Protein backbone atom coordinates (compact mmCIF):
# COMPACT_ATOMS: atom_id res chain seq x y z
CA MET A 1 120.07 94.64 94.36
CA LEU A 2 122.87 92.18 93.66
CA LEU A 3 125.27 94.47 95.55
CA PHE A 4 122.90 94.56 98.56
CA GLY A 5 122.60 90.75 98.42
CA LEU A 6 126.40 90.38 98.51
CA PHE A 7 126.60 92.72 101.50
CA GLY A 8 123.88 90.68 103.23
CA MET A 9 125.77 87.40 102.70
CA ALA A 10 129.06 88.95 103.88
CA ALA A 11 127.37 90.17 107.05
CA GLY A 12 126.15 86.73 108.10
CA ALA A 13 123.16 87.09 110.43
CA GLN A 14 123.65 90.88 110.72
CA ASN A 15 122.05 92.84 107.85
CA TRP A 16 124.22 95.49 106.22
CA TYR A 17 121.17 97.35 105.01
CA GLN A 18 117.64 97.96 106.22
CA PHE A 19 114.64 99.89 104.96
CA GLY A 20 111.40 100.78 106.60
CA PHE A 21 108.29 102.90 106.95
CA ARG A 22 107.27 105.02 109.95
CA ILE A 23 104.45 107.24 111.12
CA SER A 24 104.74 109.72 113.96
CA THR A 25 103.28 112.73 115.65
CA GLN A 26 104.97 115.70 117.33
CA ILE A 27 104.09 117.45 120.59
CA PRO A 28 105.21 121.10 120.81
CA LEU A 29 107.51 121.93 123.73
CA VAL A 30 107.57 125.65 122.85
CA ARG A 31 104.37 127.52 122.09
CA ALA A 32 105.51 131.18 121.98
CA TYR A 33 106.86 131.35 118.42
CA SER A 34 107.33 135.11 118.79
CA TYR A 35 106.42 137.84 121.29
CA GLU A 36 103.02 138.23 119.58
CA ASP A 37 102.33 134.75 118.17
CA TYR A 38 101.25 131.91 120.46
CA LEU A 39 100.56 128.33 119.32
CA THR A 40 97.38 127.17 121.07
CA ASN A 41 96.80 123.83 119.31
CA LEU A 42 98.84 121.56 117.03
CA ARG A 43 98.27 118.30 115.16
CA THR A 44 101.22 116.88 113.22
CA PRO A 45 100.82 113.61 111.40
CA HIS A 46 104.07 112.58 109.71
CA PHE A 47 104.86 109.57 107.54
CA GLY A 48 107.91 108.54 105.63
CA VAL A 49 110.27 105.87 104.36
CA TYR A 50 113.95 105.40 105.09
CA PHE A 51 116.97 103.40 104.02
CA ARG A 52 119.99 102.66 106.20
CA ALA A 53 123.28 100.88 105.62
CA GLY A 54 126.02 99.79 108.02
CA LYS A 55 126.66 97.05 110.53
CA TYR A 56 126.34 98.16 114.17
CA VAL A 57 126.09 101.88 113.37
CA TYR A 58 123.98 102.71 110.33
CA GLY A 59 123.90 105.79 108.15
CA GLU A 60 120.24 106.58 107.44
CA ILE A 61 118.51 108.78 104.87
CA GLY A 62 114.77 109.12 104.45
CA LEU A 63 111.96 110.93 102.71
CA GLY A 64 108.77 111.98 104.42
CA TYR A 65 105.79 114.31 104.50
CA GLN A 66 104.56 116.26 107.52
CA TYR A 67 101.31 118.11 107.92
CA PHE A 68 101.03 120.80 110.63
CA LYS A 69 97.49 121.83 111.56
CA SER A 70 98.07 124.71 113.98
CA ARG A 71 95.87 127.23 115.73
CA PHE A 72 97.65 130.48 116.56
CA GLU A 73 96.58 133.40 118.71
CA VAL A 74 98.17 136.73 117.78
CA ASN A 75 98.27 139.68 120.20
CA LEU A 76 97.86 142.95 118.28
CA HIS A 77 99.54 146.20 119.31
CA ASN A 78 96.16 147.74 120.29
CA GLY A 79 95.65 145.06 122.97
CA GLU A 80 93.22 142.91 120.97
CA SER A 81 93.96 139.39 119.80
CA ILE A 82 92.95 137.34 116.78
CA ASN A 83 93.28 133.63 116.11
CA ASP A 84 93.02 131.35 113.13
CA LEU A 85 93.83 127.86 111.89
CA VAL A 86 97.02 127.64 109.82
CA GLU A 87 97.93 124.51 107.88
CA THR A 88 101.50 124.01 106.67
CA ARG A 89 102.95 121.08 104.77
CA TYR A 90 106.61 120.05 104.66
CA LEU A 91 108.79 117.63 102.75
CA ILE A 92 111.14 115.96 105.25
CA ILE A 93 114.63 114.63 104.49
CA PRO A 94 116.21 113.15 107.64
CA ILE A 95 119.89 112.18 107.75
CA LYS A 96 120.90 110.21 110.85
CA ALA A 97 123.38 107.89 112.47
CA VAL A 98 121.54 104.95 114.07
CA GLY A 99 123.06 102.48 116.51
CA GLU A 100 121.89 98.92 117.04
CA VAL A 101 122.25 97.39 120.51
CA PRO A 102 120.69 93.92 120.94
CA ILE A 103 118.95 93.48 124.30
CA THR A 104 117.53 89.99 123.66
CA LYS A 105 117.25 87.88 120.51
CA LYS A 106 113.98 89.66 119.62
CA ILE A 107 114.41 93.15 121.14
CA THR A 108 116.93 95.73 119.94
CA PHE A 109 117.60 99.25 121.25
CA MET A 110 118.38 101.74 118.44
CA PRO A 111 119.57 105.23 119.51
CA ASN A 112 119.83 107.87 116.78
CA VAL A 113 121.11 111.39 116.17
CA GLY A 114 121.07 113.59 113.08
CA ILE A 115 119.48 116.47 111.25
CA SER A 116 116.24 116.87 109.35
CA TYR A 117 115.89 119.22 106.39
CA GLN A 118 112.28 120.39 105.97
CA PRO A 119 111.41 122.62 103.00
CA LEU A 120 107.99 124.28 103.30
CA LEU A 121 105.62 123.14 100.55
CA LYS A 122 102.38 124.96 101.34
CA VAL A 123 100.69 127.39 103.73
CA THR A 124 96.89 127.70 103.67
CA GLU A 125 95.19 131.09 103.55
CA ASN A 126 94.54 132.62 106.97
CA ILE A 127 93.54 135.94 108.54
CA LEU A 128 96.85 136.16 110.44
CA GLY A 129 98.84 136.92 107.29
CA TYR A 130 101.08 133.86 107.61
CA ASP A 131 102.46 132.70 104.27
CA LYS A 132 105.66 131.50 102.59
CA THR A 133 107.18 134.98 102.77
CA ASN A 134 107.14 135.26 106.59
CA ILE A 135 107.25 131.60 107.76
CA GLU A 136 110.74 130.09 107.50
CA SER A 137 110.69 128.07 104.29
CA GLN A 138 113.91 126.05 104.78
CA TRP A 139 113.89 124.45 108.23
CA VAL A 140 116.83 122.47 109.57
CA LEU A 141 116.21 120.62 112.82
CA PHE A 142 118.61 118.78 115.14
CA THR A 143 117.05 115.44 116.05
CA THR A 144 117.88 112.72 118.55
CA GLY A 145 115.91 109.79 119.87
CA PHE A 146 115.60 106.05 120.16
CA ASP A 147 113.56 103.14 118.86
CA PHE A 148 112.94 99.70 120.27
CA ARG A 149 112.74 97.01 117.63
CA PHE A 150 110.47 94.02 118.29
CA GLY A 151 110.97 91.75 115.26
CA PHE A 152 109.98 93.96 112.34
CA ILE A 153 107.97 96.48 114.46
CA THR A 154 109.62 99.62 115.87
CA ILE A 155 108.31 101.94 118.59
CA GLY A 156 110.21 105.02 119.66
CA ALA A 157 110.47 108.63 120.75
CA ASP A 158 112.48 111.61 119.56
CA TYR A 159 113.34 115.23 120.29
CA ARG A 160 113.61 117.89 117.57
CA LEU A 161 115.08 121.37 117.93
CA SER A 162 114.76 123.83 115.05
CA LEU A 163 117.93 125.72 114.20
CA GLN A 164 115.82 128.61 112.82
CA HIS A 165 112.99 130.69 114.21
CA TYR A 166 109.50 129.84 112.97
CA PHE A 167 109.07 133.30 111.45
CA ARG A 168 111.62 134.97 109.17
CA ASN A 169 110.66 138.48 110.31
CA LYS A 170 110.10 137.98 114.07
CA GLU A 171 112.25 137.01 117.03
CA GLY A 172 111.12 134.31 119.43
CA ARG A 173 112.08 130.98 120.90
CA LEU A 174 113.29 128.21 118.63
CA PRO A 175 110.57 125.60 118.03
CA GLN A 176 111.08 122.30 119.86
CA TYR A 177 109.10 119.08 119.63
CA ALA A 178 108.90 115.68 121.31
CA GLY A 179 107.69 112.88 119.08
CA ILE A 180 106.22 109.40 119.24
CA THR A 181 106.97 107.00 116.37
CA VAL A 182 105.69 103.61 115.18
CA GLY A 183 107.05 101.79 112.16
CA VAL A 184 108.09 98.64 110.37
CA ILE A 185 111.62 97.68 109.38
CA PHE A 186 112.88 95.07 106.91
């Protein structure tokens, strides 16, 4: 902490380090995860903490937890379809570069870009046969977005593109999400 205090004094009014907490939700932009598997409903609460260091461009690392509550419809080869609720849980480790552009004395624009590593922690039992052997267990997502800082409150949006398919054993479109974020920063 002494080291962080020295950096803070050297920076003057500009903090060299920041930490915060955020909650968010994701909206799926792609629903056809394979030629047979279609995402019909998704709820994705996410919460996490982060630490960043820098002056006008910060390096950020975080730790979070995301819960996907998804309903999938699967088209079978005989023409029938089945659907079920599938819950997956992920640990999230985002690594980003975050800019800081003051707009007024109390409002700051903070664009960001980076990657998010998301190891799969759990898949609930379901009649679709989804489990850790066929759902990608090591997701890496490209992420970009922005926050507006109002004092210690942040509000923002982001875009996430998975670099892997959702399923290990099926071809399909890469998952994509738009997100809405609210947090606090110190």
